[in-house]
């Protein structure tokens, strides 16, 4: 048995010139612009890419000129390779909206001779807009390649013990730093990527998975905490509370030290490096919060490949 492990991620613009093409691929996805017929969706995606592209380029320039997600994902994949059997297991990366694409990864695994595929999304919480659309792409490409390997898929892992343990360690590190320097009015704010209510109301389980993660990681947390949602676009309602509103509320309630914990990201990218580290940090200071800390993402933490290995072993025993 030759097993291919496909780590699925969304991808991003690796350079400034990738920004508008990436935005077009993102918004032309039927799982993202839900219910919009194909020709109109493509036209709307093109318009969004042109309009949003200018401001997005400015944001990416502030974090170095592109998303570092590919670098971190490649390091995480390399770490997992070192933990798996060398002869009969191969690990590849497949990005939904950028290269290396899911199709590129599947072609490599087919050429290698994999007769079983394990699909492991790097999204702890399931959403139709992330995990499901990656699974859609896998199915479509396998049909295109006329290839029918056995498929095993990990749908979600929002409260897997190894994941929660590592996430809690990043929170504890941030709290240690915050409380060493300041011991007044410390509050933990968990931040998750938001989702349009239009998609939630269609039955997307993402909010429940987010709640499972937060419930697990706060089981013995001694500091007050709340959950908010970031990264919304447009004027339609998204999951609430919005992070900017929650930061204002906490400031009004006298919070002086804020520890932000991103929980739907396993590596740094625009949502952490620009939104959390610049946009919301500046907003917190504007509202009078004196001390702002952000828990780190997993990035090149050697423990994260062990989390992935644990998920695979628990699910499939390989």
C-alpha atoms as a PDB file:
ATOM      1  CA  UNK A   1       0.000   0.000   0.000  1.00  0.00           C
ATOM      2  CA  UNK A   2       1.415   3.372  -1.077  1.00  0.00           C
ATOM      3  CA  UNK A   3      -0.304   6.213   0.758  1.00  0.00           C
ATOM      4  CA  UNK A   4      -0.279   9.801  -0.360  1.00  0.00           C
ATOM      5  CA  UNK A   5      -1.006  12.435   2.280  1.00  0.00           C
ATOM      6  CA  UNK A   6      -2.340  15.633   0.753  1.00  0.00           C
ATOM      7  CA  UNK A   7      -2.140  18.688   3.009  1.00  0.00           C
ATOM      8  CA  UNK A   8      -4.849  21.045   1.805  1.00  0.00           C
ATOM      9  CA  UNK A   9      -4.697  24.791   2.275  1.00  0.00           C
ATOM     10  CA  UNK A  10      -6.225  27.833   0.628  1.00  0.00           C
ATOM     11  CA  UNK A  11      -3.067  29.539  -0.507  1.00  0.00           C
ATOM     12  CA  UNK A  12      -2.442  33.203  -1.060  1.00  0.00           C
ATOM     13  CA  UNK A  13      -0.657  35.746  -3.219  1.00  0.00           C
ATOM     14  CA  UNK A  14       3.034  34.948  -2.883  1.00  0.00           C
ATOM     15  CA  UNK A  15       4.044  38.234  -4.546  1.00  0.00           C
ATOM     16  CA  UNK A  16       2.374  41.593  -5.130  1.00  0.00           C
ATOM     17  CA  UNK A  17       1.683  40.685  -8.758  1.00  0.00           C
ATOM     18  CA  UNK A  18      -0.283  37.642  -7.548  1.00  0.00           C
ATOM     19  CA  UNK A  19      -2.792  39.709  -5.551  1.00  0.00           C
ATOM     20  CA  UNK A  20      -5.458  40.423  -8.173  1.00  0.00           C
ATOM     21  CA  UNK A  21      -5.311  36.954  -9.797  1.00  0.00           C
ATOM     22  CA  UNK A  22      -5.596  35.397  -6.347  1.00  0.00           C
ATOM     23  CA  UNK A  23      -8.610  37.524  -5.463  1.00  0.00           C
ATOM     24  CA  UNK A  24     -10.278  36.552  -8.719  1.00  0.00           C
ATOM     25  CA  UNK A  25      -9.729  32.827  -8.061  1.00  0.00           C
ATOM     26  CA  UNK A  26     -10.995  33.274  -4.519  1.00  0.00           C
ATOM     27  CA  UNK A  27     -14.230  35.038  -5.382  1.00  0.00           C
ATOM     28  CA  UNK A  28     -15.013  33.043  -8.528  1.00  0.00           C
ATOM     29  CA  UNK A  29     -15.319  29.976  -6.284  1.00  0.00           C
ATOM     30  CA  UNK A  30     -19.021  28.960  -6.070  1.00  0.00           C
ATOM     31  CA  UNK A  31     -18.521  28.030  -2.406  1.00  0.00           C
ATOM     32  CA  UNK A  32     -17.509  31.632  -1.662  1.00  0.00           C
ATOM     33  CA  UNK A  33     -20.013  33.644  -3.722  1.00  0.00           C
ATOM     34  CA  UNK A  34     -22.860  31.301  -2.923  1.00  0.00           C
ATOM     35  CA  UNK A  35     -25.911  31.194  -5.160  1.00  0.00           C
ATOM     36  CA  UNK A  36     -24.518  33.444  -7.891  1.00  0.00           C
ATOM     37  CA  UNK A  37     -24.793  31.882 -11.396  1.00  0.00           C
ATOM     38  CA  UNK A  38     -21.424  31.188 -13.027  1.00  0.00           C
ATOM     39  CA  UNK A  39     -21.239  33.982 -15.640  1.00  0.00           C
ATOM     40  CA  UNK A  40     -22.331  36.613 -13.120  1.00  0.00           C
ATOM     41  CA  UNK A  41     -20.077  35.188 -10.430  1.00  0.00           C
ATOM     42  CA  UNK A  42     -17.047  35.401 -12.710  1.00  0.00           C
ATOM     43  CA  UNK A  43     -17.890  38.985 -13.667  1.00  0.00           C
ATOM     44  CA  UNK A  44     -18.440  39.906 -10.033  1.00  0.00           C
ATOM     45  CA  UNK A  45     -15.182  38.186  -9.002  1.00  0.00           C
ATOM     46  CA  UNK A  46     -13.302  40.178 -11.629  1.00  0.00           C
ATOM     47  CA  UNK A  47     -14.838  43.427 -10.360  1.00  0.00           C
ATOM     48  CA  UNK A  48     -14.025  42.590  -6.735  1.00  0.00           C
ATOM     49  CA  UNK A  49     -10.432  41.739  -7.668  1.00  0.00           C
ATOM     50  CA  UNK A  50     -10.004  45.088  -9.407  1.00  0.00           C
ATOM     51  CA  UNK A  51     -11.637  47.139  -6.652  1.00  0.00           C
ATOM     52  CA  UNK A  52     -10.182  45.286  -3.668  1.00  0.00           C
ATOM     53  CA  UNK A  53      -6.830  44.647  -5.328  1.00  0.00           C
ATOM     54  CA  UNK A  54      -5.422  48.132  -4.722  1.00  0.00           C
ATOM     55  CA  UNK A  55      -6.008  48.122  -0.955  1.00  0.00           C
ATOM     56  CA  UNK A  56      -4.931  44.482  -0.698  1.00  0.00           C
ATOM     57  CA  UNK A  57      -1.619  45.295  -2.370  1.00  0.00           C
ATOM     58  CA  UNK A  58      -0.997  47.993   0.234  1.00  0.00           C
ATOM     59  CA  UNK A  59      -1.678  45.497   3.006  1.00  0.00           C
ATOM     60  CA  UNK A  60       0.654  42.886   1.526  1.00  0.00           C
ATOM     61  CA  UNK A  61       3.422  45.452   1.113  1.00  0.00           C
ATOM     62  CA  UNK A  62       3.204  46.102   4.857  1.00  0.00           C
ATOM     63  CA  UNK A  63       3.917  42.435   5.602  1.00  0.00           C
ATOM     64  CA  UNK A  64       6.801  42.041   3.193  1.00  0.00           C
ATOM     65  CA  UNK A  65       5.241  41.927  -0.272  1.00  0.00           C
ATOM     66  CA  UNK A  66       3.308  38.660  -0.180  1.00  0.00           C
ATOM     67  CA  UNK A  67       1.853  35.944   1.976  1.00  0.00           C
ATOM     68  CA  UNK A  68       4.342  33.749   3.888  1.00  0.00           C
ATOM     69  CA  UNK A  69       1.803  30.917   4.116  1.00  0.00           C
ATOM     70  CA  UNK A  70       3.537  28.791   1.479  1.00  0.00           C
ATOM     71  CA  UNK A  71       6.853  28.982   3.323  1.00  0.00           C
ATOM     72  CA  UNK A  72       5.280  27.883   6.586  1.00  0.00           C
ATOM     73  CA  UNK A  73       3.161  25.164   4.963  1.00  0.00           C
ATOM     74  CA  UNK A  74       6.238  23.756   3.204  1.00  0.00           C
ATOM     75  CA  UNK A  75       8.084  23.627   6.528  1.00  0.00           C
ATOM     76  CA  UNK A  76       5.133  21.917   8.176  1.00  0.00           C
ATOM     77  CA  UNK A  77       4.925  19.369   5.352  1.00  0.00           C
ATOM     78  CA  UNK A  78       8.653  18.679   5.622  1.00  0.00           C
ATOM     79  CA  UNK A  79       8.283  18.105   9.340  1.00  0.00           C
ATOM     80  CA  UNK A  80       5.462  15.622   8.761  1.00  0.00           C
ATOM     81  CA  UNK A  81       7.550  13.769   6.151  1.00  0.00           C
ATOM     82  CA  UNK A  82      10.252  13.203   8.749  1.00  0.00           C
ATOM     83  CA  UNK A  83       7.721  11.553  11.039  1.00  0.00           C
ATOM     84  CA  UNK A  84       6.096   9.212   8.520  1.00  0.00           C
ATOM     85  CA  UNK A  85       7.422   5.970   6.987  1.00  0.00           C
ATOM     86  CA  UNK A  86       9.773   6.876   4.145  1.00  0.00           C
ATOM     87  CA  UNK A  87       9.073   4.095   1.648  1.00  0.00           C
ATOM     88  CA  UNK A  88       5.306   3.856   1.420  1.00  0.00           C
ATOM     89  CA  UNK A  89       4.068   7.334   2.439  1.00  0.00           C
ATOM     90  CA  UNK A  90       4.464  10.582   0.503  1.00  0.00           C
ATOM     91  CA  UNK A  91       3.355  14.042   1.690  1.00  0.00           C
ATOM     92  CA  UNK A  92       2.374  16.770  -0.770  1.00  0.00           C
ATOM     93  CA  UNK A  93       0.891  20.277  -0.469  1.00  0.00           C
ATOM     94  CA  UNK A  94      -2.174  21.310  -2.471  1.00  0.00           C
ATOM     95  CA  UNK A  95      -3.443  24.920  -2.487  1.00  0.00           C
ATOM     96  CA  UNK A  96      -7.034  25.683  -3.490  1.00  0.00           C
ATOM     97  CA  UNK A  97      -6.407  29.114  -5.000  1.00  0.00           C
ATOM     98  CA  UNK A  98      -2.694  29.275  -5.805  1.00  0.00           C
ATOM     99  CA  UNK A  99       0.334  27.176  -6.674  1.00  0.00           C
ATOM    100  CA  UNK A 100       1.351  24.539  -5.834  1.00  0.00           C
ATOM    101  CA  UNK A 101      -2.199  23.630  -6.739  1.00  0.00           C
ATOM    102  CA  UNK A 102      -4.253  20.640  -5.702  1.00  0.00           C
ATOM    103  CA  UNK A 103      -4.000  19.400  -9.282  1.00  0.00           C
ATOM    104  CA  UNK A 104      -0.199  19.645  -9.228  1.00  0.00           C
ATOM    105  CA  UNK A 105      -0.061  17.661  -5.982  1.00  0.00           C
ATOM    106  CA  UNK A 106      -2.441  14.972  -7.241  1.00  0.00           C
ATOM    107  CA  UNK A 107      -0.489  14.540 -10.477  1.00  0.00           C
ATOM    108  CA  UNK A 108       2.689  14.026  -8.444  1.00  0.00           C
ATOM    109  CA  UNK A 109       1.021  11.466  -6.200  1.00  0.00           C
ATOM    110  CA  UNK A 110      -0.438   9.605  -9.160  1.00  0.00           C
ATOM    111  CA  UNK A 111       2.959   9.490 -10.892  1.00  0.00           C
ATOM    112  CA  UNK A 112       4.526   8.208  -7.649  1.00  0.00           C
ATOM    113  CA  UNK A 113       1.998   5.384  -7.636  1.00  0.00           C
ATOM    114  CA  UNK A 114      -0.200   6.162  -4.633  1.00  0.00           C
ATOM    115  CA  UNK A 115      -3.157   3.826  -4.378  1.00  0.00           C
ATOM    116  CA  UNK A 116      -4.636   5.510  -1.297  1.00  0.00           C
ATOM    117  CA  UNK A 117      -5.032   9.200  -0.531  1.00  0.00           C
ATOM    118  CA  UNK A 118      -5.437  10.776   2.887  1.00  0.00           C
ATOM    119  CA  UNK A 119      -6.856  14.289   2.596  1.00  0.00           C
ATOM    120  CA  UNK A 120      -5.812  16.413   5.568  1.00  0.00           C
ATOM    121  CA  UNK A 121      -7.047  20.023   5.485  1.00  0.00           C
ATOM    122  CA  UNK A 122      -4.994  22.547   7.431  1.00  0.00           C
ATOM    123  CA  UNK A 123      -8.236  24.082   8.669  1.00  0.00           C
ATOM    124  CA  UNK A 124      -9.006  22.773  12.171  1.00  0.00           C
ATOM    125  CA  UNK A 125     -12.631  23.866  11.849  1.00  0.00           C
ATOM    126  CA  UNK A 126     -14.768  22.679   8.926  1.00  0.00           C
ATOM    127  CA  UNK A 127     -16.427  25.152   6.598  1.00  0.00           C
ATOM    128  CA  UNK A 128     -17.955  24.749   3.177  1.00  0.00           C
ATOM    129  CA  UNK A 129     -15.856  27.745   2.120  1.00  0.00           C
ATOM    130  CA  UNK A 130     -12.538  26.106   3.042  1.00  0.00           C
ATOM    131  CA  UNK A 131     -12.437  22.347   3.636  1.00  0.00           C
ATOM    132  CA  UNK A 132     -15.416  21.483   1.443  1.00  0.00           C
ATOM    133  CA  UNK A 133     -14.188  23.504  -1.513  1.00  0.00           C
ATOM    134  CA  UNK A 134     -10.797  21.753  -1.281  1.00  0.00           C
ATOM    135  CA  UNK A 135     -12.575  18.390  -1.312  1.00  0.00           C
ATOM    136  CA  UNK A 136     -14.586  19.581  -4.325  1.00  0.00           C
ATOM    137  CA  UNK A 137     -11.364  20.345  -6.160  1.00  0.00           C
ATOM    138  CA  UNK A 138      -9.895  16.928  -5.321  1.00  0.00           C
ATOM    139  CA  UNK A 139     -12.976  15.155  -6.676  1.00  0.00           C
ATOM    140  CA  UNK A 140     -13.004  17.222  -9.861  1.00  0.00           C
ATOM    141  CA  UNK A 141      -9.310  16.680 -10.556  1.00  0.00           C
ATOM    142  CA  UNK A 142      -9.422  12.932  -9.875  1.00  0.00           C
ATOM    143  CA  UNK A 143     -12.180  12.668 -12.482  1.00  0.00           C
ATOM    144  CA  UNK A 144     -10.075  14.705 -14.886  1.00  0.00           C
ATOM    145  CA  UNK A 145      -7.097  12.391 -14.309  1.00  0.00           C
ATOM    146  CA  UNK A 146      -9.264   9.241 -14.631  1.00  0.00           C
ATOM    147  CA  UNK A 147      -7.763   8.096 -11.333  1.00  0.00           C
ATOM    148  CA  UNK A 148      -9.657   6.246  -8.630  1.00  0.00           C
ATOM    149  CA  UNK A 149      -7.443   5.719  -5.561  1.00  0.00           C
ATOM    150  CA  UNK A 150      -9.003   4.884  -2.216  1.00  0.00           C
ATOM    151  CA  UNK A 151      -9.889   8.134  -0.471  1.00  0.00           C
ATOM    152  CA  UNK A 152      -9.792   8.846   3.229  1.00  0.00           C
ATOM    153  CA  UNK A 153     -10.509  12.360   4.408  1.00  0.00           C
ATOM    154  CA  UNK A 154     -10.198  14.178   7.698  1.00  0.00           C
ATOM    155  CA  UNK A 155     -13.152  16.543   7.844  1.00  0.00           C
ATOM    156  CA  UNK A 156     -12.153  18.550  10.901  1.00  0.00           C
ATOM    157  CA  UNK A 157     -10.120  18.491  14.109  1.00  0.00           C
ATOM    158  CA  UNK A 158     -11.380  21.450  16.189  1.00  0.00           C
ATOM    159  CA  UNK A 159     -10.791  19.870  19.597  1.00  0.00           C
ATOM    160  CA  UNK A 160      -8.209  17.204  18.855  1.00  0.00           C
ATOM    161  CA  UNK A 161      -6.142  16.910  22.066  1.00  0.00           C
ATOM    162  CA  UNK A 162      -2.759  17.439  20.377  1.00  0.00           C
ATOM    163  CA  UNK A 163      -4.012  20.543  18.569  1.00  0.00           C
ATOM    164  CA  UNK A 164      -5.611  21.976  21.698  1.00  0.00           C
ATOM    165  CA  UNK A 165      -2.459  21.314  23.711  1.00  0.00           C
ATOM    166  CA  UNK A 166      -0.302  23.216  21.223  1.00  0.00           C
ATOM    167  CA  UNK A 167      -2.815  26.038  20.891  1.00  0.00           C
ATOM    168  CA  UNK A 168      -3.008  26.352  24.657  1.00  0.00           C
ATOM    169  CA  UNK A 169       0.794  26.511  24.863  1.00  0.00           C
ATOM    170  CA  UNK A 170       0.835  29.508  22.498  1.00  0.00           C
ATOM    171  CA  UNK A 171      -1.816  31.190  24.638  1.00  0.00           C
ATOM    172  CA  UNK A 172       0.111  30.474  27.834  1.00  0.00           C
ATOM    173  CA  UNK A 173       3.296  31.914  26.315  1.00  0.00           C
ATOM    174  CA  UNK A 174       1.473  35.121  25.373  1.00  0.00           C
ATOM    175  CA  UNK A 175      -0.124  35.326  28.813  1.00  0.00           C
ATOM    176  CA  UNK A 176       3.253  34.808  30.474  1.00  0.00           C
ATOM    177  CA  UNK A 177       4.693  37.732  28.549  1.00  0.00           C
ATOM    178  CA  UNK A 178       1.649  39.914  29.192  1.00  0.00           C
ATOM    179  CA  UNK A 179       1.435  39.259  32.916  1.00  0.00           C
ATOM    180  CA  UNK A 180       5.194  39.635  33.427  1.00  0.00           C
ATOM    181  CA  UNK A 181       4.976  43.186  32.150  1.00  0.00           C
ATOM    182  CA  UNK A 182       1.444  44.118  33.206  1.00  0.00           C
ATOM    183  CA  UNK A 183      -0.841  42.625  35.804  1.00  0.00           C
ATOM    184  CA  UNK A 184      -3.924  44.758  35.412  1.00  0.00           C
ATOM    185  CA  UNK A 185      -7.172  43.958  33.623  1.00  0.00           C
ATOM    186  CA  UNK A 186      -5.884  41.098  31.440  1.00  0.00           C
ATOM    187  CA  UNK A 187      -8.425  39.769  28.944  1.00  0.00           C
ATOM    188  CA  UNK A 188      -8.063  36.981  26.372  1.00  0.00           C
ATOM    189  CA  UNK A 189      -9.773  37.580  23.033  1.00  0.00           C
ATOM    190  CA  UNK A 190     -10.035  34.599  20.692  1.00  0.00           C
ATOM    191  CA  UNK A 191     -10.254  35.656  17.066  1.00  0.00           C
ATOM    192  CA  UNK A 192     -11.601  33.485  14.271  1.00  0.00           C
ATOM    193  CA  UNK A 193     -12.072  34.229  10.593  1.00  0.00           C
ATOM    194  CA  UNK A 194     -15.654  35.321  10.080  1.00  0.00           C
ATOM    195  CA  UNK A 195     -18.236  33.855   7.713  1.00  0.00           C
ATOM    196  CA  UNK A 196     -21.238  35.466   6.003  1.00  0.00           C
ATOM    197  CA  UNK A 197     -24.513  34.696   7.774  1.00  0.00           C
ATOM    198  CA  UNK A 198     -25.910  33.753   4.373  1.00  0.00           C
ATOM    199  CA  UNK A 199     -23.565  30.743   4.408  1.00  0.00           C
ATOM    200  CA  UNK A 200     -24.097  29.975   8.110  1.00  0.00           C
ATOM    201  CA  UNK A 201     -27.865  29.904   7.584  1.00  0.00           C
ATOM    202  CA  UNK A 202     -27.411  27.252   4.898  1.00  0.00           C
ATOM    203  CA  UNK A 203     -26.139  24.923   7.617  1.00  0.00           C
ATOM    204  CA  UNK A 204     -22.382  25.506   7.584  1.00  0.00           C
ATOM    205  CA  UNK A 205     -21.016  23.875  10.788  1.00  0.00           C
ATOM    206  CA  UNK A 206     -18.114  26.298  11.172  1.00  0.00           C
ATOM    207  CA  UNK A 207     -19.538  28.243  14.163  1.00  0.00           C
ATOM    208  CA  UNK A 208     -20.056  24.988  16.077  1.00  0.00           C
ATOM    209  CA  UNK A 209     -16.485  23.877  15.338  1.00  0.00           C
ATOM    210  CA  UNK A 210     -15.148  27.242  16.509  1.00  0.00           C
ATOM    211  CA  UNK A 211     -17.128  26.843  19.725  1.00  0.00           C
ATOM    212  CA  UNK A 212     -15.629  23.365  20.221  1.00  0.00           C
ATOM    213  CA  UNK A 213     -12.112  24.766  19.900  1.00  0.00           C
ATOM    214  CA  UNK A 214     -12.716  27.609  22.329  1.00  0.00           C
ATOM    215  CA  UNK A 215     -14.475  25.345  24.828  1.00  0.00           C
ATOM    216  CA  UNK A 216     -11.547  22.909  24.803  1.00  0.00           C
ATOM    217  CA  UNK A 217      -8.771  25.482  25.089  1.00  0.00           C
ATOM    218  CA  UNK A 218     -10.478  27.414  27.908  1.00  0.00           C
ATOM    219  CA  UNK A 219     -11.390  24.396  30.047  1.00  0.00           C
ATOM    220  CA  UNK A 220      -9.165  25.561  32.917  1.00  0.00           C
ATOM    221  CA  UNK A 221      -8.298  29.106  31.807  1.00  0.00           C
ATOM    222  CA  UNK A 222      -8.185  31.445  34.785  1.00  0.00           C
ATOM    223  CA  UNK A 223      -8.463  34.681  32.826  1.00  0.00           C
ATOM    224  CA  UNK A 224     -11.663  36.187  31.420  1.00  0.00           C
ATOM    225  CA  UNK A 225     -12.120  35.598  27.719  1.00  0.00           C
ATOM    226  CA  UNK A 226     -14.436  36.273  24.804  1.00  0.00           C
ATOM    227  CA  UNK A 227     -14.648  35.288  21.145  1.00  0.00           C
ATOM    228  CA  UNK A 228     -14.891  37.623  18.152  1.00  0.00           C
ATOM    229  CA  UNK A 229     -14.668  37.335  14.372  1.00  0.00           C
ATOM    230  CA  UNK A 230     -12.395  39.118  11.922  1.00  0.00           C
ATOM    231  CA  UNK A 231     -11.829  39.533   8.173  1.00  0.00           C
ATOM    232  CA  UNK A 232     -15.368  40.263   7.017  1.00  0.00           C
ATOM    233  CA  UNK A 233     -15.970  41.908   3.654  1.00  0.00           C
ATOM    234  CA  UNK A 234     -18.852  43.984   2.372  1.00  0.00           C
ATOM    235  CA  UNK A 235     -21.978  45.232   4.121  1.00  0.00           C
ATOM    236  CA  UNK A 236     -23.992  42.023   4.498  1.00  0.00           C
ATOM    237  CA  UNK A 237     -24.145  40.494   8.010  1.00  0.00           C
ATOM    238  CA  UNK A 238     -21.359  38.120   9.059  1.00  0.00           C
ATOM    239  CA  UNK A 239     -20.740  36.142  12.233  1.00  0.00           C
ATOM    240  CA  UNK A 240     -20.703  38.377  15.280  1.00  0.00           C
ATOM    241  CA  UNK A 241     -19.406  39.907  17.439  1.00  0.00           C
ATOM    242  CA  UNK A 242     -17.134  41.728  15.017  1.00  0.00           C
ATOM    243  CA  UNK A 243     -13.657  42.058  16.452  1.00  0.00           C
ATOM    244  CA  UNK A 244     -13.585  45.855  16.172  1.00  0.00           C
ATOM    245  CA  UNK A 245     -16.807  46.077  18.193  1.00  0.00           C
ATOM    246  CA  UNK A 246     -15.508  43.674  20.833  1.00  0.00           C
ATOM    247  CA  UNK A 247     -12.256  45.619  21.215  1.00  0.00           C
ATOM    248  CA  UNK A 248     -14.300  48.803  21.752  1.00  0.00           C
ATOM    249  CA  UNK A 249     -16.537  47.069  24.308  1.00  0.00           C
ATOM    250  CA  UNK A 250     -13.572  45.715  26.244  1.00  0.00           C
ATOM    251  CA  UNK A 251     -11.945  49.137  26.301  1.00  0.00           C
ATOM    252  CA  UNK A 252     -15.173  50.707  27.567  1.00  0.00           C
ATOM    253  CA  UNK A 253     -15.188  48.093  30.351  1.00  0.00           C
ATOM    254  CA  UNK A 254     -11.734  49.126  31.539  1.00  0.00           C
ATOM    255  CA  UNK A 255      -9.582  46.389  29.997  1.00  0.00           C
ATOM    256  CA  UNK A 256      -5.960  47.545  29.866  1.00  0.00           C
ATOM    257  CA  UNK A 257      -4.167  44.402  28.642  1.00  0.00           C
ATOM    258  CA  UNK A 258      -5.473  42.399  25.693  1.00  0.00           C
ATOM    259  CA  UNK A 259      -4.135  39.032  24.549  1.00  0.00           C
ATOM    260  CA  UNK A 260      -5.369  38.096  21.059  1.00  0.00           C
ATOM    261  CA  UNK A 261      -5.399  34.404  20.118  1.00  0.00           C
ATOM    262  CA  UNK A 262      -6.009  33.486  16.435  1.00  0.00           C
ATOM    263  CA  UNK A 263      -7.729  30.101  16.371  1.00  0.00           C
ATOM    264  CA  UNK A 264      -8.615  29.376  12.748  1.00  0.00           C
ATOM    265  CA  UNK A 265      -5.100  29.784  11.346  1.00  0.00           C
ATOM    266  CA  UNK A 266      -2.164  27.358  11.665  1.00  0.00           C
ATOM    267  CA  UNK A 267       0.362  29.728  10.081  1.00  0.00           C
ATOM    268  CA  UNK A 268       0.848  33.447   9.688  1.00  0.00           C
ATOM    269  CA  UNK A 269      -0.613  35.250   6.706  1.00  0.00           C
ATOM    270  CA  UNK A 270      -2.439  38.505   5.953  1.00  0.00           C
ATOM    271  CA  UNK A 271      -5.121  37.981   8.618  1.00  0.00           C
ATOM    272  CA  UNK A 272      -2.553  37.715  11.411  1.00  0.00           C
ATOM    273  CA  UNK A 273       0.383  39.790  10.183  1.00  0.00           C
ATOM    274  CA  UNK A 274      -1.638  42.748   8.903  1.00  0.00           C
ATOM    275  CA  UNK A 275      -5.097  42.603  10.484  1.00  0.00           C
ATOM    276  CA  UNK A 276      -4.148  41.476  13.987  1.00  0.00           C
ATOM    277  CA  UNK A 277      -0.629  42.913  14.210  1.00  0.00           C
ATOM    278  CA  UNK A 278      -1.368  46.273  12.570  1.00  0.00           C
ATOM    279  CA  UNK A 279      -5.026  47.070  12.008  1.00  0.00           C
ATOM    280  CA  UNK A 280      -6.496  45.820  15.294  1.00  0.00           C
ATOM    281  CA  UNK A 281      -3.408  46.625  17.332  1.00  0.00           C
ATOM    282  CA  UNK A 282      -3.704  50.242  16.209  1.00  0.00           C
ATOM    283  CA  UNK A 283      -7.452  50.193  16.876  1.00  0.00           C
ATOM    284  CA  UNK A 284      -6.859  48.884  20.398  1.00  0.00           C
ATOM    285  CA  UNK A 285      -4.453  51.708  21.137  1.00  0.00           C
ATOM    286  CA  UNK A 286      -6.904  54.206  19.671  1.00  0.00           C
ATOM    287  CA  UNK A 287      -9.590  52.953  22.056  1.00  0.00           C
ATOM    288  CA  UNK A 288      -7.240  53.229  25.021  1.00  0.00           C
ATOM    289  CA  UNK A 289      -6.092  49.641  25.557  1.00  0.00           C
ATOM    290  CA  UNK A 290      -2.548  50.096  26.833  1.00  0.00           C
ATOM    291  CA  UNK A 291      -1.039  46.650  26.282  1.00  0.00           C
ATOM    292  CA  UNK A 292      -1.668  44.440  23.247  1.00  0.00           C
ATOM    293  CA  UNK A 293      -0.247  40.941  22.738  1.00  0.00           C
ATOM    294  CA  UNK A 294      -0.877  38.368  20.051  1.00  0.00           C
ATOM    295  CA  UNK A 295      -0.344  34.626  20.522  1.00  0.00           C
ATOM    296  CA  UNK A 296       1.927  33.213  17.837  1.00  0.00           C
ATOM    297  CA  UNK A 297       0.812  30.928  15.026  1.00  0.00           C
ATOM    298  CA  UNK A 298       2.357  27.471  14.701  1.00  0.00           C
ATOM    299  CA  UNK A 299       4.525  28.312  11.654  1.00  0.00           C
ATOM    300  CA  UNK A 300       7.778  26.328  12.060  1.00  0.00           C
ATOM    301  CA  UNK A 301       6.999  24.942  15.521  1.00  0.00           C
ATOM    302  CA  UNK A 302       8.316  21.361  15.447  1.00  0.00           C
ATOM    303  CA  UNK A 303       5.341  20.260  17.526  1.00  0.00           C
ATOM    304  CA  UNK A 304       2.814  21.053  14.808  1.00  0.00           C
ATOM    305  CA  UNK A 305       3.892  18.243  12.426  1.00  0.00           C
ATOM    306  CA  UNK A 306       3.470  15.959  15.440  1.00  0.00           C
ATOM    307  CA  UNK A 307      -0.103  17.250  15.758  1.00  0.00           C
ATOM    308  CA  UNK A 308      -0.720  16.341  12.116  1.00  0.00           C
ATOM    309  CA  UNK A 309       0.864  12.929  12.633  1.00  0.00           C
ATOM    310  CA  UNK A 310      -1.355  12.328  15.656  1.00  0.00           C
ATOM    311  CA  UNK A 311      -4.489  13.220  13.673  1.00  0.00           C
ATOM    312  CA  UNK A 312      -3.511  10.803  10.890  1.00  0.00           C
ATOM    313  CA  UNK A 313      -2.587   7.988  13.259  1.00  0.00           C
ATOM    314  CA  UNK A 314      -5.789   8.367  15.240  1.00  0.00           C
ATOM    315  CA  UNK A 315      -7.932   8.450  12.127  1.00  0.00           C
ATOM    316  CA  UNK A 316      -6.249   5.805   9.985  1.00  0.00           C
ATOM    317  CA  UNK A 317      -3.435   4.156  11.910  1.00  0.00           C
ATOM    318  CA  UNK A 318      -0.797   4.628   9.212  1.00  0.00           C
END
